[in-house]
Amino acid sequence: MVFSVRSDGGVPITTSLNLIFHHLLNERKKMSQREDEMRDLRNKTLEEAFRRYWDLGLPPGSFATAVLANDLIGAAALADTWNRPELAHIIQWVVTHAPRGSWGSYEIVDSWLSQDKAFDQWQKQRVADILSTP
């Protein structure tokens, strides 16, 4: 370890670099933790509602419907105390996990709920995935 002393009484250069290094290292750890958290929603009830919507074509509730419809103002207004601070994370999770054609507007959500072509394709893909799993 190198110590340096500055004549002006300020923080030594090596100490400053060390602090910056540790700050950057901590930020990287936080980013990695956030990436791990993206794999699953913290609110398992909400995650189950999304999965029932995608897999069974069941209405997911007003907040989840607003998220799926890309109505962010409506979602923020409908969010409860658990989901409001997590809204950005929930949206990122939906964008990452939602099947094509299942989200984007209220019309798309209504169409998915009526088990349209996109829903049918998703179901066929799910069955194919299940059958191909050893």
C-alpha atoms as a PDB file:
ATOM      1  CA  MET A   1       0.000   0.000   0.000  1.00  0.00           C
ATOM      2  CA  VAL A   2       1.331   3.430  -0.891  1.00  0.00           C
ATOM      3  CA  PHE A   3       0.716   6.434   1.266  1.00  0.00           C
ATOM      4  CA  SER A   4       1.358   9.916   0.065  1.00  0.00           C
ATOM      5  CA  VAL A   5       1.214  13.162   1.923  1.00  0.00           C
ATOM      6  CA  ARG A   6       0.258  16.426   0.297  1.00  0.00           C
ATOM      7  CA  SER A   7       1.854  19.591   1.503  1.00  0.00           C
ATOM      8  CA  ASP A   8      -1.387  21.565   1.142  1.00  0.00           C
ATOM      9  CA  GLY A   9      -3.128  19.365   3.711  1.00  0.00           C
ATOM     10  CA  GLY A  10      -5.640  17.986   1.187  1.00  0.00           C
ATOM     11  CA  VAL A  11      -6.562  14.379   0.622  1.00  0.00           C
ATOM     12  CA  PRO A  12      -3.635  12.369  -0.719  1.00  0.00           C
ATOM     13  CA  ILE A  13      -3.949  11.377  -4.389  1.00  0.00           C
ATOM     14  CA  THR A  14      -3.598   7.656  -3.678  1.00  0.00           C
ATOM     15  CA  THR A  15      -6.367   7.867  -1.077  1.00  0.00           C
ATOM     16  CA  SER A  16      -8.640   9.625  -3.584  1.00  0.00           C
ATOM     17  CA  LEU A  17      -7.983   6.971  -6.231  1.00  0.00           C
ATOM     18  CA  ASN A  18      -8.602   4.259  -3.678  1.00  0.00           C
ATOM     19  CA  LEU A  19     -11.955   5.822  -2.739  1.00  0.00           C
ATOM     20  CA  ILE A  20     -12.951   6.107  -6.402  1.00  0.00           C
ATOM     21  CA  PHE A  21     -11.970   2.480  -7.017  1.00  0.00           C
ATOM     22  CA  HIS A  22     -14.051   1.262  -4.070  1.00  0.00           C
ATOM     23  CA  HIS A  23     -16.995   3.413  -5.144  1.00  0.00           C
ATOM     24  CA  LEU A  24     -16.874   1.956  -8.665  1.00  0.00           C
ATOM     25  CA  LEU A  25     -16.556  -1.561  -7.268  1.00  0.00           C
ATOM     26  CA  ASN A  26     -19.620  -1.024  -5.056  1.00  0.00           C
ATOM     27  CA  GLU A  27     -21.596   0.378  -8.008  1.00  0.00           C
ATOM     28  CA  ARG A  28     -20.708  -2.715 -10.072  1.00  0.00           C
ATOM     29  CA  LYS A  29     -21.899  -4.957  -7.240  1.00  0.00           C
ATOM     30  CA  LYS A  30     -25.186  -3.031  -7.101  1.00  0.00           C
ATOM     31  CA  MET A  31     -25.623  -3.382 -10.884  1.00  0.00           C
ATOM     32  CA  SER A  32     -24.972  -7.117 -10.660  1.00  0.00           C
ATOM     33  CA  GLN A  33     -27.495  -7.403  -7.833  1.00  0.00           C
ATOM     34  CA  ARG A  34     -30.095  -5.507  -9.908  1.00  0.00           C
ATOM     35  CA  GLU A  35     -29.440  -7.842 -12.861  1.00  0.00           C
ATOM     36  CA  ASP A  36     -30.048 -10.846 -10.587  1.00  0.00           C
ATOM     37  CA  GLU A  37     -33.269  -9.270  -9.328  1.00  0.00           C
ATOM     38  CA  MET A  38     -34.509  -8.841 -12.910  1.00  0.00           C
ATOM     39  CA  ARG A  39     -34.910 -12.597 -13.220  1.00  0.00           C
ATOM     40  CA  ASP A  40     -37.907 -12.640 -10.886  1.00  0.00           C
ATOM     41  CA  LEU A  41     -40.443 -10.218  -9.547  1.00  0.00           C
ATOM     42  CA  ARG A  42     -40.362  -9.666  -5.807  1.00  0.00           C
ATOM     43  CA  ASN A  43     -44.165  -9.682  -5.740  1.00  0.00           C
ATOM     44  CA  LYS A  44     -44.922 -13.338  -6.462  1.00  0.00           C
ATOM     45  CA  THR A  45     -48.693 -12.719  -6.490  1.00  0.00           C
ATOM     46  CA  LEU A  46     -48.247 -10.222  -9.324  1.00  0.00           C
ATOM     47  CA  GLU A  47     -45.903 -12.585 -11.170  1.00  0.00           C
ATOM     48  CA  GLU A  48     -48.528 -15.345 -10.875  1.00  0.00           C
ATOM     49  CA  ALA A  49     -51.187 -12.961 -12.240  1.00  0.00           C
ATOM     50  CA  PHE A  50     -49.011 -12.218 -15.278  1.00  0.00           C
ATOM     51  CA  ARG A  51     -48.326 -15.924 -15.808  1.00  0.00           C
ATOM     52  CA  ARG A  52     -52.051 -16.822 -15.573  1.00  0.00           C
ATOM     53  CA  TYR A  53     -52.751 -14.080 -18.105  1.00  0.00           C
ATOM     54  CA  TRP A  54     -50.115 -15.407 -20.512  1.00  0.00           C
ATOM     55  CA  ASP A  55     -50.688 -19.127 -19.988  1.00  0.00           C
ATOM     56  CA  LEU A  56     -54.433 -19.314 -19.400  1.00  0.00           C
ATOM     57  CA  GLY A  57     -55.787 -16.064 -20.827  1.00  0.00           C
ATOM     58  CA  LEU A  58     -57.159 -14.925 -17.453  1.00  0.00           C
ATOM     59  CA  PRO A  59     -57.576 -11.209 -16.617  1.00  0.00           C
ATOM     60  CA  PRO A  60     -54.656 -10.148 -14.402  1.00  0.00           C
ATOM     61  CA  GLY A  61     -56.279  -7.311 -12.425  1.00  0.00           C
ATOM     62  CA  SER A  62     -56.458  -3.570 -12.997  1.00  0.00           C
ATOM     63  CA  PHE A  63     -52.857  -2.664 -12.089  1.00  0.00           C
ATOM     64  CA  ALA A  64     -51.329  -5.502 -14.118  1.00  0.00           C
ATOM     65  CA  THR A  65     -53.665  -4.740 -17.023  1.00  0.00           C
ATOM     66  CA  ALA A  66     -52.504  -1.106 -17.018  1.00  0.00           C
ATOM     67  CA  VAL A  67     -48.868  -2.280 -17.034  1.00  0.00           C
ATOM     68  CA  LEU A  68     -49.562  -4.697 -19.901  1.00  0.00           C
ATOM     69  CA  ALA A  69     -51.428  -1.973 -21.807  1.00  0.00           C
ATOM     70  CA  ASN A  70     -48.401   0.316 -21.481  1.00  0.00           C
ATOM     71  CA  ASP A  71     -50.575   2.787 -19.546  1.00  0.00           C
ATOM     72  CA  LEU A  72     -47.892   3.941 -17.131  1.00  0.00           C
ATOM     73  CA  ILE A  73     -49.909   6.800 -15.638  1.00  0.00           C
ATOM     74  CA  GLY A  74     -52.809   4.416 -15.023  1.00  0.00           C
ATOM     75  CA  ALA A  75     -50.448   1.812 -13.568  1.00  0.00           C
ATOM     76  CA  ALA A  76     -48.920   4.379 -11.210  1.00  0.00           C
ATOM     77  CA  ALA A  77     -52.388   5.490 -10.113  1.00  0.00           C
ATOM     78  CA  LEU A  78     -53.557   1.896  -9.561  1.00  0.00           C
ATOM     79  CA  ALA A  79     -50.377   0.609  -7.883  1.00  0.00           C
ATOM     80  CA  ASP A  80     -50.543  -0.356  -4.240  1.00  0.00           C
ATOM     81  CA  THR A  81     -47.878   0.512  -1.673  1.00  0.00           C
ATOM     82  CA  TRP A  82     -45.780  -2.550  -2.617  1.00  0.00           C
ATOM     83  CA  ASN A  83     -45.909  -2.138  -6.395  1.00  0.00           C
ATOM     84  CA  ARG A  84     -45.596   1.646  -6.735  1.00  0.00           C
ATOM     85  CA  PRO A  85     -41.891   1.827  -5.809  1.00  0.00           C
ATOM     86  CA  GLU A  86     -41.256  -1.253  -7.975  1.00  0.00           C
ATOM     87  CA  LEU A  87     -43.045   0.012 -11.092  1.00  0.00           C
ATOM     88  CA  ALA A  88     -39.897   0.468 -13.202  1.00  0.00           C
ATOM     89  CA  HIS A  89     -38.682  -3.012 -12.237  1.00  0.00           C
ATOM     90  CA  ILE A  90     -42.105  -4.526 -13.016  1.00  0.00           C
ATOM     91  CA  ILE A  91     -42.169  -2.879 -16.439  1.00  0.00           C
ATOM     92  CA  GLN A  92     -38.660  -4.118 -17.236  1.00  0.00           C
ATOM     93  CA  TRP A  93     -39.653  -7.619 -16.109  1.00  0.00           C
ATOM     94  CA  VAL A  94     -42.744  -7.604 -18.352  1.00  0.00           C
ATOM     95  CA  VAL A  95     -40.739  -6.375 -21.344  1.00  0.00           C
ATOM     96  CA  THR A  96     -38.221  -9.178 -20.747  1.00  0.00           C
ATOM     97  CA  HIS A  97     -40.682 -12.014 -20.049  1.00  0.00           C
ATOM     98  CA  ALA A  98     -43.916 -11.242 -21.916  1.00  0.00           C
ATOM     99  CA  PRO A  99     -44.771 -13.273 -25.018  1.00  0.00           C
ATOM    100  CA  ARG A 100     -44.943 -11.369 -28.278  1.00  0.00           C
ATOM    101  CA  GLY A 101     -48.389  -9.960 -28.909  1.00  0.00           C
ATOM    102  CA  SER A 102     -49.477 -10.014 -25.247  1.00  0.00           C
ATOM    103  CA  TRP A 103     -48.805  -6.414 -24.232  1.00  0.00           C
ATOM    104  CA  GLY A 104     -48.587  -2.861 -25.582  1.00  0.00           C
ATOM    105  CA  SER A 105     -52.130  -1.423 -25.494  1.00  0.00           C
ATOM    106  CA  TYR A 106     -55.556  -2.112 -24.033  1.00  0.00           C
ATOM    107  CA  GLU A 107     -56.648  -3.439 -27.433  1.00  0.00           C
ATOM    108  CA  ILE A 108     -53.796  -5.964 -27.427  1.00  0.00           C
ATOM    109  CA  VAL A 109     -54.646  -7.046 -23.869  1.00  0.00           C
ATOM    110  CA  ASP A 110     -58.324  -7.466 -24.802  1.00  0.00           C
ATOM    111  CA  SER A 111     -57.316  -9.429 -27.869  1.00  0.00           C
ATOM    112  CA  TRP A 112     -55.062 -11.717 -25.787  1.00  0.00           C
ATOM    113  CA  LEU A 113     -57.863 -12.272 -23.289  1.00  0.00           C
ATOM    114  CA  SER A 114     -60.175 -13.293 -26.141  1.00  0.00           C
ATOM    115  CA  GLN A 115     -57.507 -15.882 -26.999  1.00  0.00           C
ATOM    116  CA  ASP A 116     -56.567 -14.465 -30.384  1.00  0.00           C
ATOM    117  CA  LYS A 117     -53.961 -15.733 -32.817  1.00  0.00           C
ATOM    118  CA  ALA A 118     -51.000 -14.504 -30.706  1.00  0.00           C
ATOM    119  CA  PHE A 119     -52.370 -16.318 -27.642  1.00  0.00           C
ATOM    120  CA  ASP A 120     -52.869 -19.482 -29.701  1.00  0.00           C
ATOM    121  CA  GLN A 121     -49.284 -19.316 -31.005  1.00  0.00           C
ATOM    122  CA  TRP A 122     -47.983 -18.839 -27.463  1.00  0.00           C
ATOM    123  CA  GLN A 123     -49.928 -21.890 -26.287  1.00  0.00           C
ATOM    124  CA  LYS A 124     -48.546 -24.028 -29.119  1.00  0.00           C
ATOM    125  CA  GLN A 125     -45.017 -22.879 -28.319  1.00  0.00           C
ATOM    126  CA  ARG A 126     -45.505 -23.697 -24.613  1.00  0.00           C
ATOM    127  CA  VAL A 127     -46.723 -27.200 -25.461  1.00  0.00           C
ATOM    128  CA  ALA A 128     -43.794 -27.714 -27.836  1.00  0.00           C
ATOM    129  CA  ASP A 129     -41.376 -26.546 -25.146  1.00  0.00           C
ATOM    130  CA  ILE A 130     -42.894 -28.888 -22.575  1.00  0.00           C
ATOM    131  CA  LEU A 131     -42.809 -31.857 -24.949  1.00  0.00           C
ATOM    132  CA  SER A 132     -39.195 -31.197 -25.955  1.00  0.00           C
ATOM    133  CA  THR A 133     -37.991 -31.031 -22.341  1.00  0.00           C
ATOM    134  CA  PRO A 134     -36.377 -34.330 -21.304  1.00  0.00           C
END
